[in-house]
Amino acid sequence: MLMVINPSIEVYLLDADGAILNSSAPPGKLKRQRVSLAPLERLLGGVETLPILGDDPRDLERKKVFSVSPIPPKGPVECYLYVILGGEEYDSVIQMLQGSYILRLSTWALAGGIVSSALAGLLLFNLLTRRLRRLVSGVEAFTQSNFSAQFDPAPPSKAHSPDEIDQLGTTFNRMADRIRQQVQELKQADRLRREPVANVSHDLRTPLTSLQGYLDTLLMKEGTLSPRSNGPILKSRPSIASN
């Protein structure tokens, strides 16, 4: 009844020495008449790391994961309930799936589809961001050139109408032109501001130079000059000398 409820398991009744007393296996399926008790005792002792593999009554070489319960649970053991957790039907299903050409083909097709989708996604992402990267490079070049470089956006493709990226490039160009114009206006205003100062400096430099020459002459001939009128001879002027 346990095997009817769960066809993937196999249930065996063993005596105290490991001999198979009863099972629901079809005639001719059992390859063993006895199961080694050593794995059962290790599992019941609980001292080893799982999984522990036991004998497969339906195969002379194969080992399988199992569960076991002594009968009775307490006291001297009269027999064991030995359960193979992955029975022959489970193995046949696994082998069928592993050997299925359609399954392998579907697996490879799924893997190929995932790889193709990833490559297509990367290519599409690169195409979508290429113009954005170009716009970013133009903005950086404009900044590093002291607001003098000209950004030339790529012309919109004939396959589609200008989109937001094209509009962003056009708007940036207008902004860059405005910035360059304002920079030129500032330079022109600064030049106009400097010209009057330079002219005034030049106009003042000529009379001051002449005046400086006269003063130097007076200092050189101090005390020897005669006045043009009938006045006393010019005396030294300490204030001029001190200046």
C-alpha atoms as a PDB file:
ATOM      1  CA  MET A   1       0.000   0.000   0.000  1.00  0.00           C
ATOM      2  CA  LEU A   2       2.931   2.348   0.690  1.00  0.00           C
ATOM      3  CA  MET A   3       4.264   1.700  -2.822  1.00  0.00           C
ATOM      4  CA  VAL A   4       0.829   2.339  -4.295  1.00  0.00           C
ATOM      5  CA  ILE A   5       0.674   5.702  -2.533  1.00  0.00           C
ATOM      6  CA  ASN A   6       4.235   6.611  -3.546  1.00  0.00           C
ATOM      7  CA  PRO A   7       5.428   4.590  -6.565  1.00  0.00           C
ATOM      8  CA  SER A   8       8.946   6.072  -6.359  1.00  0.00           C
ATOM      9  CA  ILE A   9       9.789   4.072  -3.206  1.00  0.00           C
ATOM     10  CA  GLU A  10      10.308   0.356  -2.584  1.00  0.00           C
ATOM     11  CA  VAL A  11       9.380  -1.266   0.744  1.00  0.00           C
ATOM     12  CA  TYR A  12      10.999  -4.452   2.067  1.00  0.00           C
ATOM     13  CA  LEU A  13      10.551  -6.413   5.268  1.00  0.00           C
ATOM     14  CA  LEU A  14      13.870  -7.826   6.592  1.00  0.00           C
ATOM     15  CA  ASP A  15      14.494 -10.230   9.418  1.00  0.00           C
ATOM     16  CA  ALA A  16      16.994  -9.574  12.202  1.00  0.00           C
ATOM     17  CA  ASP A  17      19.832 -10.913  10.002  1.00  0.00           C
ATOM     18  CA  GLY A  18      18.946  -8.835   6.912  1.00  0.00           C
ATOM     19  CA  ALA A  19      17.217 -11.532   4.903  1.00  0.00           C
ATOM     20  CA  ILE A  20      14.271 -10.302   2.809  1.00  0.00           C
ATOM     21  CA  LEU A  21      11.085 -11.735   4.268  1.00  0.00           C
ATOM     22  CA  ASN A  22       8.551 -10.014   2.069  1.00  0.00           C
ATOM     23  CA  SER A  23       8.183  -7.233  -0.519  1.00  0.00           C
ATOM     24  CA  SER A  24       5.786  -6.069  -3.169  1.00  0.00           C
ATOM     25  CA  ALA A  25       8.334  -6.522  -5.943  1.00  0.00           C
ATOM     26  CA  PRO A  26       7.063  -8.432  -8.992  1.00  0.00           C
ATOM     27  CA  PRO A  27       8.405 -11.993  -9.432  1.00  0.00           C
ATOM     28  CA  GLY A  28      11.923 -12.081 -10.836  1.00  0.00           C
ATOM     29  CA  LYS A  29      12.756  -8.496  -9.850  1.00  0.00           C
ATOM     30  CA  LEU A  30      14.712  -9.301  -6.693  1.00  0.00           C
ATOM     31  CA  LYS A  31      18.428  -9.862  -7.323  1.00  0.00           C
ATOM     32  CA  ARG A  32      19.343 -10.176  -3.647  1.00  0.00           C
ATOM     33  CA  GLN A  33      17.935 -12.330  -0.903  1.00  0.00           C
ATOM     34  CA  ARG A  34      19.762 -10.508   1.853  1.00  0.00           C
ATOM     35  CA  VAL A  35      20.636  -6.874   2.632  1.00  0.00           C
ATOM     36  CA  SER A  36      23.777  -5.856   4.548  1.00  0.00           C
ATOM     37  CA  LEU A  37      22.886  -4.632   8.034  1.00  0.00           C
ATOM     38  CA  ALA A  38      25.999  -2.465   8.475  1.00  0.00           C
ATOM     39  CA  PRO A  39      24.550   0.627   6.702  1.00  0.00           C
ATOM     40  CA  LEU A  40      21.254   0.161   8.628  1.00  0.00           C
ATOM     41  CA  GLU A  41      23.053   0.097  11.985  1.00  0.00           C
ATOM     42  CA  ARG A  42      25.097   3.196  11.072  1.00  0.00           C
ATOM     43  CA  LEU A  43      21.905   5.069  10.128  1.00  0.00           C
ATOM     44  CA  LEU A  44      20.092   3.973  13.297  1.00  0.00           C
ATOM     45  CA  GLY A  45      23.163   4.887  15.373  1.00  0.00           C
ATOM     46  CA  GLY A  46      23.089   8.435  13.956  1.00  0.00           C
ATOM     47  CA  VAL A  47      26.860   8.923  14.203  1.00  0.00           C
ATOM     48  CA  GLU A  48      27.712   9.325  10.500  1.00  0.00           C
ATOM     49  CA  THR A  49      27.160  12.130   8.070  1.00  0.00           C
ATOM     50  CA  LEU A  50      24.298  11.623   5.662  1.00  0.00           C
ATOM     51  CA  PRO A  51      23.641  10.327   3.103  1.00  0.00           C
ATOM     52  CA  ILE A  52      24.334   6.650   3.896  1.00  0.00           C
ATOM     53  CA  LEU A  53      23.892   4.225   1.005  1.00  0.00           C
ATOM     54  CA  GLY A  54      22.474   0.724   1.403  1.00  0.00           C
ATOM     55  CA  ASP A  55      22.098  -2.345  -0.827  1.00  0.00           C
ATOM     56  CA  ASP A  56      19.547  -2.264  -3.636  1.00  0.00           C
ATOM     57  CA  PRO A  57      17.627  -5.563  -3.581  1.00  0.00           C
ATOM     58  CA  ARG A  58      16.910  -5.185  -7.306  1.00  0.00           C
ATOM     59  CA  ASP A  59      20.568  -4.702  -8.338  1.00  0.00           C
ATOM     60  CA  LEU A  60      23.684  -6.584  -7.222  1.00  0.00           C
ATOM     61  CA  GLU A  61      26.051  -3.606  -7.593  1.00  0.00           C
ATOM     62  CA  ARG A  62      23.985  -0.488  -7.058  1.00  0.00           C
ATOM     63  CA  LYS A  63      23.738   1.372  -3.731  1.00  0.00           C
ATOM     64  CA  LYS A  64      20.858   3.660  -2.874  1.00  0.00           C
ATOM     65  CA  VAL A  65      19.637   6.095  -0.258  1.00  0.00           C
ATOM     66  CA  PHE A  66      17.298   4.383   2.176  1.00  0.00           C
ATOM     67  CA  SER A  67      15.326   4.719   5.364  1.00  0.00           C
ATOM     68  CA  VAL A  68      14.896   2.029   8.005  1.00  0.00           C
ATOM     69  CA  SER A  69      12.880   1.423  11.152  1.00  0.00           C
ATOM     70  CA  PRO A  70      13.345  -1.449  13.604  1.00  0.00           C
ATOM     71  CA  ILE A  71      10.336  -3.535  14.589  1.00  0.00           C
ATOM     72  CA  PRO A  72       9.456  -3.202  17.402  1.00  0.00           C
ATOM     73  CA  PRO A  73      10.847   0.333  17.865  1.00  0.00           C
ATOM     74  CA  LYS A  74      12.026  -0.545  21.369  1.00  0.00           C
ATOM     75  CA  GLY A  75      13.402  -3.779  22.725  1.00  0.00           C
ATOM     76  CA  PRO A  76      14.981  -6.694  20.867  1.00  0.00           C
ATOM     77  CA  VAL A  77      14.789  -6.265  17.092  1.00  0.00           C
ATOM     78  CA  GLU A  78      12.701  -8.902  15.382  1.00  0.00           C
ATOM     79  CA  CYS A  79      12.742  -7.380  11.894  1.00  0.00           C
ATOM     80  CA  TYR A  80      13.349  -4.160   9.925  1.00  0.00           C
ATOM     81  CA  LEU A  81      11.183  -2.077   7.641  1.00  0.00           C
ATOM     82  CA  TYR A  82      13.633  -1.195   4.840  1.00  0.00           C
ATOM     83  CA  VAL A  83      12.577   1.531   2.402  1.00  0.00           C
ATOM     84  CA  ILE A  84      14.494   2.453  -0.779  1.00  0.00           C
ATOM     85  CA  LEU A  85      13.747   6.152  -1.359  1.00  0.00           C
ATOM     86  CA  GLY A  86      14.476   6.171  -5.089  1.00  0.00           C
ATOM     87  CA  GLY A  87      13.023   3.011  -6.522  1.00  0.00           C
ATOM     88  CA  GLU A  88      13.397   1.348  -9.889  1.00  0.00           C
ATOM     89  CA  GLU A  89      10.499   3.273 -11.390  1.00  0.00           C
ATOM     90  CA  TYR A  90      12.138   6.512 -10.314  1.00  0.00           C
ATOM     91  CA  ASP A  91      15.402   5.413 -11.949  1.00  0.00           C
ATOM     92  CA  SER A  92      13.623   4.489 -15.156  1.00  0.00           C
ATOM     93  CA  VAL A  93      11.987   7.904 -15.349  1.00  0.00           C
ATOM     94  CA  ILE A  94      15.323   9.651 -14.762  1.00  0.00           C
ATOM     95  CA  GLN A  95      17.058   7.517 -17.377  1.00  0.00           C
ATOM     96  CA  MET A  96      14.254   8.159 -19.818  1.00  0.00           C
ATOM     97  CA  LEU A  97      14.555  11.897 -19.299  1.00  0.00           C
ATOM     98  CA  GLN A  98      18.328  11.808 -19.585  1.00  0.00           C
ATOM     99  CA  GLY A  99      18.176   9.778 -22.767  1.00  0.00           C
ATOM    100  CA  SER A 100      15.359  11.697 -24.367  1.00  0.00           C
ATOM    101  CA  TYR A 101      16.477  13.331 -27.607  1.00  0.00           C
ATOM    102  CA  ILE A 102      13.599  15.802 -27.477  1.00  0.00           C
ATOM    103  CA  LEU A 103      14.529  16.805 -23.930  1.00  0.00           C
ATOM    104  CA  ARG A 104      18.194  17.337 -24.857  1.00  0.00           C
ATOM    105  CA  LEU A 105      17.193  19.253 -27.952  1.00  0.00           C
ATOM    106  CA  SER A 106      14.795  21.396 -25.936  1.00  0.00           C
ATOM    107  CA  THR A 107      17.485  22.051 -23.334  1.00  0.00           C
ATOM    108  CA  TRP A 108      19.990  23.120 -25.973  1.00  0.00           C
ATOM    109  CA  ALA A 109      17.351  25.229 -27.703  1.00  0.00           C
ATOM    110  CA  LEU A 110      16.470  26.909 -24.407  1.00  0.00           C
ATOM    111  CA  ALA A 111      20.124  27.583 -23.639  1.00  0.00           C
ATOM    112  CA  GLY A 112      20.681  28.914 -27.146  1.00  0.00           C
ATOM    113  CA  GLY A 113      17.621  31.111 -26.846  1.00  0.00           C
ATOM    114  CA  ILE A 114      18.853  32.566 -23.555  1.00  0.00           C
ATOM    115  CA  VAL A 115      22.317  33.282 -24.989  1.00  0.00           C
ATOM    116  CA  SER A 116      20.836  34.787 -28.161  1.00  0.00           C
ATOM    117  CA  SER A 117      18.474  36.953 -26.133  1.00  0.00           C
ATOM    118  CA  ALA A 118      21.344  38.170 -23.966  1.00  0.00           C
ATOM    119  CA  LEU A 119      23.477  39.033 -27.021  1.00  0.00           C
ATOM    120  CA  ALA A 120      20.548  40.731 -28.726  1.00  0.00           C
ATOM    121  CA  GLY A 121      19.839  42.701 -25.566  1.00  0.00           C
ATOM    122  CA  LEU A 122      23.467  43.856 -25.316  1.00  0.00           C
ATOM    123  CA  LEU A 123      23.492  44.856 -28.987  1.00  0.00           C
ATOM    124  CA  LEU A 124      20.207  46.721 -28.649  1.00  0.00           C
ATOM    125  CA  PHE A 125      21.425  48.463 -25.498  1.00  0.00           C
ATOM    126  CA  ASN A 126      24.613  49.524 -27.300  1.00  0.00           C
ATOM    127  CA  LEU A 127      22.614  50.901 -30.223  1.00  0.00           C
ATOM    128  CA  LEU A 128      20.253  52.789 -27.921  1.00  0.00           C
ATOM    129  CA  THR A 129      23.017  54.347 -25.834  1.00  0.00           C
ATOM    130  CA  ARG A 130      25.494  55.089 -28.648  1.00  0.00           C
ATOM    131  CA  ARG A 131      24.055  58.524 -29.389  1.00  0.00           C
ATOM    132  CA  LEU A 132      23.821  59.300 -25.678  1.00  0.00           C
ATOM    133  CA  ARG A 133      27.511  58.427 -25.234  1.00  0.00           C
ATOM    134  CA  ARG A 134      28.335  60.651 -28.217  1.00  0.00           C
ATOM    135  CA  LEU A 135      26.364  63.509 -26.682  1.00  0.00           C
ATOM    136  CA  VAL A 136      28.159  63.072 -23.347  1.00  0.00           C
ATOM    137  CA  SER A 137      31.537  63.131 -25.128  1.00  0.00           C
ATOM    138  CA  GLY A 138      30.531  66.352 -26.927  1.00  0.00           C
ATOM    139  CA  VAL A 139      29.527  68.013 -23.645  1.00  0.00           C
ATOM    140  CA  GLU A 140      32.840  67.015 -22.025  1.00  0.00           C
ATOM    141  CA  ALA A 141      34.817  68.293 -25.036  1.00  0.00           C
ATOM    142  CA  PHE A 142      32.892  71.575 -24.932  1.00  0.00           C
ATOM    143  CA  THR A 143      33.678  72.005 -21.232  1.00  0.00           C
ATOM    144  CA  GLN A 144      37.378  71.135 -21.580  1.00  0.00           C
ATOM    145  CA  SER A 145      37.823  73.499 -24.571  1.00  0.00           C
ATOM    146  CA  ASN A 146      36.904  76.537 -22.462  1.00  0.00           C
ATOM    147  CA  PHE A 147      33.466  76.715 -24.123  1.00  0.00           C
ATOM    148  CA  SER A 148      34.821  76.971 -27.652  1.00  0.00           C
ATOM    149  CA  ALA A 149      34.375  73.516 -29.199  1.00  0.00           C
ATOM    150  CA  GLN A 150      31.466  72.913 -31.562  1.00  0.00           C
ATOM    151  CA  PHE A 151      29.353  69.820 -30.985  1.00  0.00           C
ATOM    152  CA  ASP A 152      28.129  68.271 -34.212  1.00  0.00           C
ATOM    153  CA  PRO A 153      25.263  65.846 -33.476  1.00  0.00           C
ATOM    154  CA  ALA A 154      24.705  62.977 -35.860  1.00  0.00           C
ATOM    155  CA  PRO A 155      21.909  63.706 -38.336  1.00  0.00           C
ATOM    156  CA  PRO A 156      18.690  61.807 -37.584  1.00  0.00           C
ATOM    157  CA  SER A 157      18.207  58.630 -39.529  1.00  0.00           C
ATOM    158  CA  LYS A 158      15.759  58.629 -42.387  1.00  0.00           C
ATOM    159  CA  ALA A 159      14.184  55.514 -40.902  1.00  0.00           C
ATOM    160  CA  HIS A 160      12.731  57.450 -37.993  1.00  0.00           C
ATOM    161  CA  SER A 161      11.784  60.995 -37.141  1.00  0.00           C
ATOM    162  CA  PRO A 162      13.939  63.052 -34.747  1.00  0.00           C
ATOM    163  CA  ASP A 163      13.492  61.769 -31.222  1.00  0.00           C
ATOM    164  CA  GLU A 164      14.297  63.144 -27.759  1.00  0.00           C
ATOM    165  CA  ILE A 165      18.039  62.498 -28.141  1.00  0.00           C
ATOM    166  CA  ASP A 166      18.139  64.506 -31.382  1.00  0.00           C
ATOM    167  CA  GLN A 167      16.189  67.294 -29.706  1.00  0.00           C
ATOM    168  CA  LEU A 168      18.595  67.199 -26.761  1.00  0.00           C
ATOM    169  CA  GLY A 169      21.592  67.547 -29.104  1.00  0.00           C
ATOM    170  CA  THR A 170      19.981  70.474 -30.943  1.00  0.00           C
ATOM    171  CA  THR A 171      19.110  72.193 -27.664  1.00  0.00           C
ATOM    172  CA  PHE A 172      22.646  71.728 -26.403  1.00  0.00           C
ATOM    173  CA  ASN A 173      24.048  73.273 -29.593  1.00  0.00           C
ATOM    174  CA  ARG A 174      21.821  76.323 -29.163  1.00  0.00           C
ATOM    175  CA  MET A 175      22.910  76.613 -25.557  1.00  0.00           C
ATOM    176  CA  ALA A 176      26.589  76.280 -26.559  1.00  0.00           C
ATOM    177  CA  ASP A 177      26.179  79.012 -29.206  1.00  0.00           C
ATOM    178  CA  ARG A 178      24.556  81.268 -26.615  1.00  0.00           C
ATOM    179  CA  ILE A 179      27.381  80.625 -24.157  1.00  0.00           C
ATOM    180  CA  ARG A 180      30.019  81.400 -26.807  1.00  0.00           C
ATOM    181  CA  GLN A 181      28.166  84.589 -27.739  1.00  0.00           C
ATOM    182  CA  GLN A 182      28.021  85.701 -24.111  1.00  0.00           C
ATOM    183  CA  VAL A 183      31.724  84.955 -23.675  1.00  0.00           C
ATOM    184  CA  GLN A 184      32.528  87.096 -26.722  1.00  0.00           C
ATOM    185  CA  GLU A 185      30.334  89.894 -25.386  1.00  0.00           C
ATOM    186  CA  LEU A 186      32.120  89.765 -22.041  1.00  0.00           C
ATOM    187  CA  LYS A 187      35.503  89.908 -23.776  1.00  0.00           C
ATOM    188  CA  GLN A 188      34.322  92.871 -25.881  1.00  0.00           C
ATOM    189  CA  ALA A 189      33.009  94.683 -22.803  1.00  0.00           C
ATOM    190  CA  ASP A 190      36.292  94.080 -20.999  1.00  0.00           C
ATOM    191  CA  ARG A 191      38.227  95.408 -24.009  1.00  0.00           C
ATOM    192  CA  LEU A 192      36.045  98.531 -24.136  1.00  0.00           C
ATOM    193  CA  ARG A 193      36.587  99.045 -20.432  1.00  0.00           C
ATOM    194  CA  ARG A 194      40.359  98.798 -20.776  1.00  0.00           C
ATOM    195  CA  GLU A 195      40.650 101.154 -23.781  1.00  0.00           C
ATOM    196  CA  PRO A 196      39.606 104.399 -21.945  1.00  0.00           C
ATOM    197  CA  VAL A 197      41.979 103.599 -19.113  1.00  0.00           C
ATOM    198  CA  ALA A 198      44.807 103.043 -21.594  1.00  0.00           C
ATOM    199  CA  ASN A 199      43.980 106.277 -23.464  1.00  0.00           C
ATOM    200  CA  VAL A 200      43.839 108.306 -20.251  1.00  0.00           C
ATOM    201  CA  SER A 201      47.132 106.792 -19.110  1.00  0.00           C
ATOM    202  CA  HIS A 202      48.721 107.663 -22.450  1.00  0.00           C
ATOM    203  CA  ASP A 203      47.346 111.237 -22.387  1.00  0.00           C
ATOM    204  CA  LEU A 204      48.627 111.810 -18.868  1.00  0.00           C
ATOM    205  CA  ARG A 205      52.006 110.237 -19.508  1.00  0.00           C
ATOM    206  CA  THR A 206      53.133 112.920 -22.063  1.00  0.00           C
ATOM    207  CA  PRO A 207      52.672 116.072 -19.884  1.00  0.00           C
ATOM    208  CA  LEU A 208      53.943 114.286 -16.835  1.00  0.00           C
ATOM    209  CA  THR A 209      57.066 113.294 -18.727  1.00  0.00           C
ATOM    210  CA  SER A 210      57.606 116.890 -19.833  1.00  0.00           C
ATOM    211  CA  LEU A 211      57.016 118.141 -16.312  1.00  0.00           C
ATOM    212  CA  GLN A 212      59.460 115.574 -14.985  1.00  0.00           C
ATOM    213  CA  GLY A 213      62.062 116.828 -17.469  1.00  0.00           C
ATOM    214  CA  TYR A 214      61.639 120.427 -16.350  1.00  0.00           C
ATOM    215  CA  LEU A 215      61.910 119.451 -12.728  1.00  0.00           C
ATOM    216  CA  ASP A 216      65.068 117.475 -13.372  1.00  0.00           C
ATOM    217  CA  THR A 217      66.578 120.477 -15.182  1.00  0.00           C
ATOM    218  CA  LEU A 218      65.731 122.792 -12.302  1.00  0.00           C
ATOM    219  CA  LEU A 219      67.308 120.424  -9.836  1.00  0.00           C
ATOM    220  CA  MET A 220      70.465 120.140 -11.909  1.00  0.00           C
ATOM    221  CA  LYS A 221      70.852 123.964 -12.201  1.00  0.00           C
ATOM    222  CA  GLU A 222      69.724 124.776  -8.756  1.00  0.00           C
ATOM    223  CA  GLY A 223      71.193 128.128  -7.532  1.00  0.00           C
ATOM    224  CA  THR A 224      72.579 129.120 -10.955  1.00  0.00           C
ATOM    225  CA  LEU A 225      69.493 130.274 -12.798  1.00  0.00           C
ATOM    226  CA  SER A 226      68.689 133.974 -13.228  1.00  0.00           C
ATOM    227  CA  PRO A 227      65.140 135.265 -13.115  1.00  0.00           C
ATOM    228  CA  ARG A 228      63.718 136.866 -16.264  1.00  0.00           C
ATOM    229  CA  SER A 229      62.307 139.774 -14.220  1.00  0.00           C
ATOM    230  CA  ASN A 230      64.039 142.136 -11.833  1.00  0.00           C
ATOM    231  CA  GLY A 231      63.748 139.893  -8.861  1.00  0.00           C
ATOM    232  CA  PRO A 232      66.167 138.029  -6.684  1.00  0.00           C
ATOM    233  CA  ILE A 233      68.078 135.082  -7.974  1.00  0.00           C
ATOM    234  CA  LEU A 234      66.194 131.784  -7.599  1.00  0.00           C
ATOM    235  CA  LYS A 235      67.131 130.029  -4.469  1.00  0.00           C
ATOM    236  CA  SER A 236      67.076 126.351  -3.917  1.00  0.00           C
ATOM    237  CA  ARG A 237      63.710 124.815  -3.231  1.00  0.00           C
ATOM    238  CA  PRO A 238      64.056 122.089  -0.677  1.00  0.00           C
ATOM    239  CA  SER A 239      60.489 121.021  -1.283  1.00  0.00           C
ATOM    240  CA  ILE A 240      61.230 120.190  -4.930  1.00  0.00           C
ATOM    241  CA  ALA A 241      64.507 118.486  -4.045  1.00  0.00           C
ATOM    242  CA  SER A 242      62.880 116.503  -1.307  1.00  0.00           C
ATOM    243  CA  ASN A 243      60.104 115.427  -3.677  1.00  0.00           C
END
